[in-house]
């Protein structure tokens, strides 16, 4: 079975709980199953690529801002597991997944305190369930999750079949989440193909997510901005 690989744009994590769990056959199966449910429902990619990218970016954000290795590891695990609740369907996937994730972790000898931290991050990552950052780990998960806007998430290449999420994601050919420790700033930089969508389309579709990311950044003591083709939109 193919294991999750770190995304090429981020620094690989050290040996850790994340490193152990990303090779766990049962967890890999659950990630695939959750993504299969969303594929059947017409959602963009939420599979191994998304889980890996969110995990590594969440960890990298905390590391850049000076958080210790343990917090970075917990953020990576939260990113890896945050969408497992989609196995049961999209509605309430964050809250359902939180309980599920806690049980998975405790069964793998993760401490109750660490499992609870990851549970709260997973349970609070979705804007439609009125999630909010409650600590550094949950804040990093939110910022990393909402930053994954990219062409590779679109499951079809038939433009005539695109819905609004496909159209906007397909327009974005590059997305970089930048963290600046000295300035206490987080920035999402997007390169957008204007033939498919523009800055207004991105802001209209993702305004709620960007607002959630801005609130999460504040928990980390940071500002939050979004740039499209080098121009600020937030």
C-alpha atoms as a PDB file:
ATOM      1  CA  UNK A   1       0.000   0.000   0.000  1.00  0.00           C
ATOM      2  CA  UNK A   2       1.336   3.409  -0.962  1.00  0.00           C
ATOM      3  CA  UNK A   3       2.218   5.598   2.013  1.00  0.00           C
ATOM      4  CA  UNK A   4       1.746   9.330   2.317  1.00  0.00           C
ATOM      5  CA  UNK A   5       4.726  11.341   1.103  1.00  0.00           C
ATOM      6  CA  UNK A   6       5.657  14.867   2.251  1.00  0.00           C
ATOM      7  CA  UNK A   7       4.687  17.563  -0.243  1.00  0.00           C
ATOM      8  CA  UNK A   8       7.664  18.769  -2.277  1.00  0.00           C
ATOM      9  CA  UNK A   9       7.178  22.403  -1.242  1.00  0.00           C
ATOM     10  CA  UNK A  10       7.548  21.862   2.493  1.00  0.00           C
ATOM     11  CA  UNK A  11      10.276  20.612   4.788  1.00  0.00           C
ATOM     12  CA  UNK A  12       9.832  16.933   5.748  1.00  0.00           C
ATOM     13  CA  UNK A  13       8.955  16.347   9.366  1.00  0.00           C
ATOM     14  CA  UNK A  14      11.320  14.614  11.742  1.00  0.00           C
ATOM     15  CA  UNK A  15      10.593  11.106  13.030  1.00  0.00           C
ATOM     16  CA  UNK A  16       7.454  11.574  15.074  1.00  0.00           C
ATOM     17  CA  UNK A  17       3.922  10.445  15.769  1.00  0.00           C
ATOM     18  CA  UNK A  18       3.021  11.861  12.379  1.00  0.00           C
ATOM     19  CA  UNK A  19       5.698   9.763  10.711  1.00  0.00           C
ATOM     20  CA  UNK A  20       4.288   6.654  12.367  1.00  0.00           C
ATOM     21  CA  UNK A  21       0.645   7.397  11.594  1.00  0.00           C
ATOM     22  CA  UNK A  22       1.139   8.346   7.959  1.00  0.00           C
ATOM     23  CA  UNK A  23       2.350   4.780   7.377  1.00  0.00           C
ATOM     24  CA  UNK A  24      -0.500   3.175   9.342  1.00  0.00           C
ATOM     25  CA  UNK A  25      -2.468   0.961   6.895  1.00  0.00           C
ATOM     26  CA  UNK A  26      -5.771   1.496   8.703  1.00  0.00           C
ATOM     27  CA  UNK A  27      -5.416   5.269   8.672  1.00  0.00           C
ATOM     28  CA  UNK A  28      -4.462   5.238   5.003  1.00  0.00           C
ATOM     29  CA  UNK A  29      -7.559   3.177   4.278  1.00  0.00           C
ATOM     30  CA  UNK A  30      -9.738   5.655   6.198  1.00  0.00           C
ATOM     31  CA  UNK A  31      -8.273   8.632   4.336  1.00  0.00           C
ATOM     32  CA  UNK A  32      -8.990   6.889   1.046  1.00  0.00           C
ATOM     33  CA  UNK A  33     -12.516   5.957   2.106  1.00  0.00           C
ATOM     34  CA  UNK A  34     -13.318   9.483   3.284  1.00  0.00           C
ATOM     35  CA  UNK A  35     -12.070  10.893  -0.007  1.00  0.00           C
ATOM     36  CA  UNK A  36     -14.115   8.323  -1.915  1.00  0.00           C
ATOM     37  CA  UNK A  37     -17.269   9.468  -0.144  1.00  0.00           C
ATOM     38  CA  UNK A  38     -16.552  13.084  -1.098  1.00  0.00           C
ATOM     39  CA  UNK A  39     -15.766  12.092  -4.676  1.00  0.00           C
ATOM     40  CA  UNK A  40     -19.169  10.434  -4.919  1.00  0.00           C
ATOM     41  CA  UNK A  41     -20.770  13.603  -3.535  1.00  0.00           C
ATOM     42  CA  UNK A  42     -18.991  15.814  -6.073  1.00  0.00           C
ATOM     43  CA  UNK A  43     -16.421  17.495  -3.805  1.00  0.00           C
ATOM     44  CA  UNK A  44     -12.832  18.362  -4.696  1.00  0.00           C
ATOM     45  CA  UNK A  45      -9.894  16.200  -3.607  1.00  0.00           C
ATOM     46  CA  UNK A  46      -9.659  15.538   0.143  1.00  0.00           C
ATOM     47  CA  UNK A  47      -7.378  12.528  -0.077  1.00  0.00           C
ATOM     48  CA  UNK A  48      -3.734  11.737   0.662  1.00  0.00           C
ATOM     49  CA  UNK A  49      -2.364  14.770  -1.152  1.00  0.00           C
ATOM     50  CA  UNK A  50      -4.579  17.166   0.781  1.00  0.00           C
ATOM     51  CA  UNK A  51      -3.964  15.440   4.112  1.00  0.00           C
ATOM     52  CA  UNK A  52      -0.190  15.494   3.631  1.00  0.00           C
ATOM     53  CA  UNK A  53      -0.068  19.104   2.510  1.00  0.00           C
ATOM     54  CA  UNK A  54      -2.240  20.316   5.389  1.00  0.00           C
ATOM     55  CA  UNK A  55      -0.201  18.286   7.887  1.00  0.00           C
ATOM     56  CA  UNK A  56       3.176  19.557   6.749  1.00  0.00           C
ATOM     57  CA  UNK A  57       2.044  23.156   6.358  1.00  0.00           C
ATOM     58  CA  UNK A  58       0.408  23.222   9.797  1.00  0.00           C
ATOM     59  CA  UNK A  59       3.613  21.885  11.350  1.00  0.00           C
ATOM     60  CA  UNK A  60       5.790  24.284   9.361  1.00  0.00           C
ATOM     61  CA  UNK A  61       3.741  27.324  10.404  1.00  0.00           C
ATOM     62  CA  UNK A  62       4.155  26.497  14.088  1.00  0.00           C
ATOM     63  CA  UNK A  63       7.855  25.716  13.692  1.00  0.00           C
ATOM     64  CA  UNK A  64       8.470  29.014  11.921  1.00  0.00           C
ATOM     65  CA  UNK A  65       6.652  30.895  14.676  1.00  0.00           C
ATOM     66  CA  UNK A  66       8.828  29.292  17.335  1.00  0.00           C
ATOM     67  CA  UNK A  67       6.587  26.584  18.768  1.00  0.00           C
ATOM     68  CA  UNK A  68       8.234  23.457  20.116  1.00  0.00           C
ATOM     69  CA  UNK A  69       8.613  20.180  18.259  1.00  0.00           C
ATOM     70  CA  UNK A  70       5.822  18.515  20.212  1.00  0.00           C
ATOM     71  CA  UNK A  71       3.240  21.138  19.216  1.00  0.00           C
ATOM     72  CA  UNK A  72       4.421  20.908  15.598  1.00  0.00           C
ATOM     73  CA  UNK A  73       3.960  17.141  15.667  1.00  0.00           C
ATOM     74  CA  UNK A  74       0.437  17.428  17.064  1.00  0.00           C
ATOM     75  CA  UNK A  75      -0.453  19.947  14.361  1.00  0.00           C
ATOM     76  CA  UNK A  76       0.843  17.556  11.705  1.00  0.00           C
ATOM     77  CA  UNK A  77      -1.236  14.688  13.091  1.00  0.00           C
ATOM     78  CA  UNK A  78      -4.320  16.920  13.223  1.00  0.00           C
ATOM     79  CA  UNK A  79      -3.740  17.794   9.575  1.00  0.00           C
ATOM     80  CA  UNK A  80      -3.302  14.165   8.612  1.00  0.00           C
ATOM     81  CA  UNK A  81      -6.541  13.092  10.280  1.00  0.00           C
ATOM     82  CA  UNK A  82      -8.760  16.183  10.042  1.00  0.00           C
ATOM     83  CA  UNK A  83     -11.054  14.917   7.268  1.00  0.00           C
ATOM     84  CA  UNK A  84     -11.621  11.334   8.427  1.00  0.00           C
ATOM     85  CA  UNK A  85     -15.150  12.227   9.531  1.00  0.00           C
ATOM     86  CA  UNK A  86     -16.122  12.394   5.873  1.00  0.00           C
ATOM     87  CA  UNK A  87     -16.308   8.598   5.986  1.00  0.00           C
ATOM     88  CA  UNK A  88     -19.725   9.133   7.587  1.00  0.00           C
ATOM     89  CA  UNK A  89     -20.743  11.898   5.157  1.00  0.00           C
ATOM     90  CA  UNK A  90     -20.109  15.602   4.767  1.00  0.00           C
ATOM     91  CA  UNK A  91     -22.555  17.141   7.279  1.00  0.00           C
ATOM     92  CA  UNK A  92     -20.985  17.426  10.754  1.00  0.00           C
ATOM     93  CA  UNK A  93     -17.823  15.736   9.475  1.00  0.00           C
ATOM     94  CA  UNK A  94     -15.617  17.792  11.786  1.00  0.00           C
ATOM     95  CA  UNK A  95     -17.459  17.004  15.012  1.00  0.00           C
ATOM     96  CA  UNK A  96     -18.031  13.374  14.042  1.00  0.00           C
ATOM     97  CA  UNK A  97     -14.421  13.012  12.975  1.00  0.00           C
ATOM     98  CA  UNK A  98     -13.134  14.529  16.214  1.00  0.00           C
ATOM     99  CA  UNK A  99     -14.615  11.754  18.338  1.00  0.00           C
ATOM    100  CA  UNK A 100     -13.507   9.132  15.836  1.00  0.00           C
ATOM    101  CA  UNK A 101      -9.954  10.504  15.744  1.00  0.00           C
ATOM    102  CA  UNK A 102      -9.694  10.566  19.535  1.00  0.00           C
ATOM    103  CA  UNK A 103     -10.600   6.879  19.694  1.00  0.00           C
ATOM    104  CA  UNK A 104      -8.087   6.014  16.959  1.00  0.00           C
ATOM    105  CA  UNK A 105      -5.294   7.822  18.764  1.00  0.00           C
ATOM    106  CA  UNK A 106      -5.949   6.428  22.241  1.00  0.00           C
ATOM    107  CA  UNK A 107      -6.078   2.947  20.719  1.00  0.00           C
ATOM    108  CA  UNK A 108      -2.567   3.633  19.405  1.00  0.00           C
ATOM    109  CA  UNK A 109      -1.244   4.543  22.860  1.00  0.00           C
ATOM    110  CA  UNK A 110      -1.325   8.310  22.327  1.00  0.00           C
ATOM    111  CA  UNK A 111      -1.738  10.114  25.651  1.00  0.00           C
ATOM    112  CA  UNK A 112      -5.191  11.357  26.555  1.00  0.00           C
ATOM    113  CA  UNK A 113      -3.902  14.945  26.682  1.00  0.00           C
ATOM    114  CA  UNK A 114      -2.391  14.793  23.190  1.00  0.00           C
ATOM    115  CA  UNK A 115      -5.400  12.957  21.741  1.00  0.00           C
ATOM    116  CA  UNK A 116      -7.694  15.614  23.227  1.00  0.00           C
ATOM    117  CA  UNK A 117      -5.620  18.432  21.696  1.00  0.00           C
ATOM    118  CA  UNK A 118      -5.853  16.811  18.273  1.00  0.00           C
ATOM    119  CA  UNK A 119      -9.559  16.092  18.795  1.00  0.00           C
ATOM    120  CA  UNK A 120     -10.305  19.755  19.511  1.00  0.00           C
ATOM    121  CA  UNK A 121      -8.375  20.835  16.419  1.00  0.00           C
ATOM    122  CA  UNK A 122     -10.245  18.394  14.171  1.00  0.00           C
ATOM    123  CA  UNK A 123     -13.592  19.323  15.696  1.00  0.00           C
ATOM    124  CA  UNK A 124     -13.025  23.032  15.106  1.00  0.00           C
ATOM    125  CA  UNK A 125     -11.559  23.092  11.596  1.00  0.00           C
ATOM    126  CA  UNK A 126     -14.729  23.593   9.551  1.00  0.00           C
ATOM    127  CA  UNK A 127     -16.329  26.977   8.937  1.00  0.00           C
ATOM    128  CA  UNK A 128     -19.745  25.487   8.207  1.00  0.00           C
ATOM    129  CA  UNK A 129     -19.791  23.914  11.668  1.00  0.00           C
ATOM    130  CA  UNK A 130     -18.840  27.258  13.233  1.00  0.00           C
ATOM    131  CA  UNK A 131     -15.393  26.014  14.189  1.00  0.00           C
ATOM    132  CA  UNK A 132     -12.898  28.357  15.772  1.00  0.00           C
ATOM    133  CA  UNK A 133      -9.267  28.180  16.810  1.00  0.00           C
ATOM    134  CA  UNK A 134      -8.937  27.305  20.492  1.00  0.00           C
ATOM    135  CA  UNK A 135      -5.146  26.946  20.700  1.00  0.00           C
ATOM    136  CA  UNK A 136      -2.033  26.998  18.520  1.00  0.00           C
ATOM    137  CA  UNK A 137      -2.574  23.492  17.105  1.00  0.00           C
ATOM    138  CA  UNK A 138      -6.153  24.174  16.008  1.00  0.00           C
ATOM    139  CA  UNK A 139      -5.142  27.571  14.606  1.00  0.00           C
ATOM    140  CA  UNK A 140      -2.366  26.052  12.507  1.00  0.00           C
ATOM    141  CA  UNK A 141      -4.734  23.376  11.187  1.00  0.00           C
ATOM    142  CA  UNK A 142      -7.308  25.962  10.131  1.00  0.00           C
ATOM    143  CA  UNK A 143      -4.787  28.166   8.341  1.00  0.00           C
ATOM    144  CA  UNK A 144      -3.189  25.208   6.551  1.00  0.00           C
ATOM    145  CA  UNK A 145      -6.485  23.608   5.563  1.00  0.00           C
ATOM    146  CA  UNK A 146      -7.969  26.793   4.095  1.00  0.00           C
ATOM    147  CA  UNK A 147      -4.760  27.507   2.158  1.00  0.00           C
ATOM    148  CA  UNK A 148      -5.140  24.449  -0.083  1.00  0.00           C
ATOM    149  CA  UNK A 149      -6.663  26.106  -3.130  1.00  0.00           C
ATOM    150  CA  UNK A 150      -5.178  24.541  -6.235  1.00  0.00           C
ATOM    151  CA  UNK A 151      -5.861  23.120  -9.678  1.00  0.00           C
ATOM    152  CA  UNK A 152      -4.750  19.643  -8.594  1.00  0.00           C
ATOM    153  CA  UNK A 153      -7.783  19.360  -6.291  1.00  0.00           C
ATOM    154  CA  UNK A 154     -10.203  19.347  -9.230  1.00  0.00           C
ATOM    155  CA  UNK A 155     -11.233  15.797 -10.101  1.00  0.00           C
ATOM    156  CA  UNK A 156     -12.378  16.405 -13.680  1.00  0.00           C
ATOM    157  CA  UNK A 157     -10.677  18.145 -16.577  1.00  0.00           C
ATOM    158  CA  UNK A 158     -13.966  18.613 -18.464  1.00  0.00           C
ATOM    159  CA  UNK A 159     -14.453  22.343 -18.066  1.00  0.00           C
ATOM    160  CA  UNK A 160     -18.097  22.060 -19.015  1.00  0.00           C
ATOM    161  CA  UNK A 161     -18.609  19.921 -15.892  1.00  0.00           C
ATOM    162  CA  UNK A 162     -17.040  22.441 -13.495  1.00  0.00           C
ATOM    163  CA  UNK A 163     -19.061  23.797 -10.589  1.00  0.00           C
ATOM    164  CA  UNK A 164     -17.975  27.019  -8.896  1.00  0.00           C
ATOM    165  CA  UNK A 165     -15.512  25.234  -6.588  1.00  0.00           C
ATOM    166  CA  UNK A 166     -13.931  23.435  -9.556  1.00  0.00           C
ATOM    167  CA  UNK A 167     -13.712  26.665 -11.530  1.00  0.00           C
ATOM    168  CA  UNK A 168     -11.972  28.645  -8.796  1.00  0.00           C
ATOM    169  CA  UNK A 169      -9.643  25.840  -7.705  1.00  0.00           C
ATOM    170  CA  UNK A 170      -8.697  25.126 -11.313  1.00  0.00           C
ATOM    171  CA  UNK A 171      -7.786  28.763 -11.836  1.00  0.00           C
ATOM    172  CA  UNK A 172      -5.131  28.610  -9.097  1.00  0.00           C
ATOM    173  CA  UNK A 173      -1.895  27.192 -10.475  1.00  0.00           C
ATOM    174  CA  UNK A 174       0.243  27.913  -7.404  1.00  0.00           C
ATOM    175  CA  UNK A 175      -0.535  28.422  -3.721  1.00  0.00           C
ATOM    176  CA  UNK A 176       2.056  29.189  -1.072  1.00  0.00           C
ATOM    177  CA  UNK A 177       1.384  29.649   2.632  1.00  0.00           C
ATOM    178  CA  UNK A 178       4.115  31.870   4.025  1.00  0.00           C
ATOM    179  CA  UNK A 179       4.934  32.431   7.698  1.00  0.00           C
ATOM    180  CA  UNK A 180       7.122  35.287   8.863  1.00  0.00           C
ATOM    181  CA  UNK A 181       8.294  35.029  12.453  1.00  0.00           C
ATOM    182  CA  UNK A 182       9.844  38.474  12.746  1.00  0.00           C
ATOM    183  CA  UNK A 183       6.772  40.279  11.481  1.00  0.00           C
ATOM    184  CA  UNK A 184       4.306  37.838  13.067  1.00  0.00           C
ATOM    185  CA  UNK A 185       2.539  37.526   9.736  1.00  0.00           C
ATOM    186  CA  UNK A 186       0.916  34.753   7.710  1.00  0.00           C
ATOM    187  CA  UNK A 187       0.285  35.230   4.002  1.00  0.00           C
ATOM    188  CA  UNK A 188      -1.426  33.078   1.394  1.00  0.00           C
ATOM    189  CA  UNK A 189      -0.012  33.838  -2.044  1.00  0.00           C
ATOM    190  CA  UNK A 190      -1.970  32.558  -5.047  1.00  0.00           C
ATOM    191  CA  UNK A 191      -1.092  32.539  -8.734  1.00  0.00           C
ATOM    192  CA  UNK A 192      -4.329  32.639 -10.698  1.00  0.00           C
ATOM    193  CA  UNK A 193      -5.073  31.912 -14.353  1.00  0.00           C
ATOM    194  CA  UNK A 194      -7.566  34.674 -15.123  1.00  0.00           C
ATOM    195  CA  UNK A 195      -9.016  32.693 -18.011  1.00  0.00           C
ATOM    196  CA  UNK A 196     -10.909  30.625 -15.450  1.00  0.00           C
ATOM    197  CA  UNK A 197     -11.471  32.877 -12.435  1.00  0.00           C
ATOM    198  CA  UNK A 198     -10.225  36.105 -10.943  1.00  0.00           C
ATOM    199  CA  UNK A 199      -9.590  37.674  -7.545  1.00  0.00           C
ATOM    200  CA  UNK A 200     -13.241  38.619  -7.076  1.00  0.00           C
ATOM    201  CA  UNK A 201     -14.330  35.027  -7.734  1.00  0.00           C
ATOM    202  CA  UNK A 202     -11.808  33.731  -5.204  1.00  0.00           C
ATOM    203  CA  UNK A 203     -12.877  36.206  -2.554  1.00  0.00           C
ATOM    204  CA  UNK A 204     -16.589  35.597  -3.148  1.00  0.00           C
ATOM    205  CA  UNK A 205     -16.209  31.845  -2.787  1.00  0.00           C
ATOM    206  CA  UNK A 206     -13.698  31.706   0.054  1.00  0.00           C
ATOM    207  CA  UNK A 207     -14.421  34.850   2.062  1.00  0.00           C
ATOM    208  CA  UNK A 208     -15.761  32.856   5.021  1.00  0.00           C
ATOM    209  CA  UNK A 209     -12.711  30.592   4.985  1.00  0.00           C
ATOM    210  CA  UNK A 210     -10.361  33.553   4.781  1.00  0.00           C
ATOM    211  CA  UNK A 211     -12.146  35.187   7.714  1.00  0.00           C
ATOM    212  CA  UNK A 212     -11.725  31.976   9.696  1.00  0.00           C
ATOM    213  CA  UNK A 213      -8.025  31.904   8.805  1.00  0.00           C
ATOM    214  CA  UNK A 214      -7.610  35.516   9.882  1.00  0.00           C
ATOM    215  CA  UNK A 215      -9.158  34.710  13.272  1.00  0.00           C
ATOM    216  CA  UNK A 216      -6.920  31.653  13.594  1.00  0.00           C
ATOM    217  CA  UNK A 217      -3.862  33.731  12.721  1.00  0.00           C
ATOM    218  CA  UNK A 218      -4.783  36.145  15.514  1.00  0.00           C
ATOM    219  CA  UNK A 219      -4.676  33.235  17.987  1.00  0.00           C
ATOM    220  CA  UNK A 220      -1.097  32.695  16.800  1.00  0.00           C
ATOM    221  CA  UNK A 221      -0.382  36.394  17.316  1.00  0.00           C
ATOM    222  CA  UNK A 222      -0.177  37.016  13.567  1.00  0.00           C
ATOM    223  CA  UNK A 223      -1.783  39.092  10.869  1.00  0.00           C
ATOM    224  CA  UNK A 224      -3.234  37.292   7.836  1.00  0.00           C
ATOM    225  CA  UNK A 225      -3.281  38.433   4.220  1.00  0.00           C
ATOM    226  CA  UNK A 226      -4.220  36.892   0.868  1.00  0.00           C
ATOM    227  CA  UNK A 227      -2.466  37.865  -2.360  1.00  0.00           C
ATOM    228  CA  UNK A 228      -3.628  36.971  -5.868  1.00  0.00           C
ATOM    229  CA  UNK A 229      -1.108  37.553  -8.651  1.00  0.00           C
ATOM    230  CA  UNK A 230       0.876  39.754  -6.238  1.00  0.00           C
ATOM    231  CA  UNK A 231      -2.114  41.981  -5.446  1.00  0.00           C
ATOM    232  CA  UNK A 232      -3.744  41.937  -1.987  1.00  0.00           C
ATOM    233  CA  UNK A 233      -7.402  40.924  -1.814  1.00  0.00           C
ATOM    234  CA  UNK A 234      -7.599  40.561   1.989  1.00  0.00           C
END
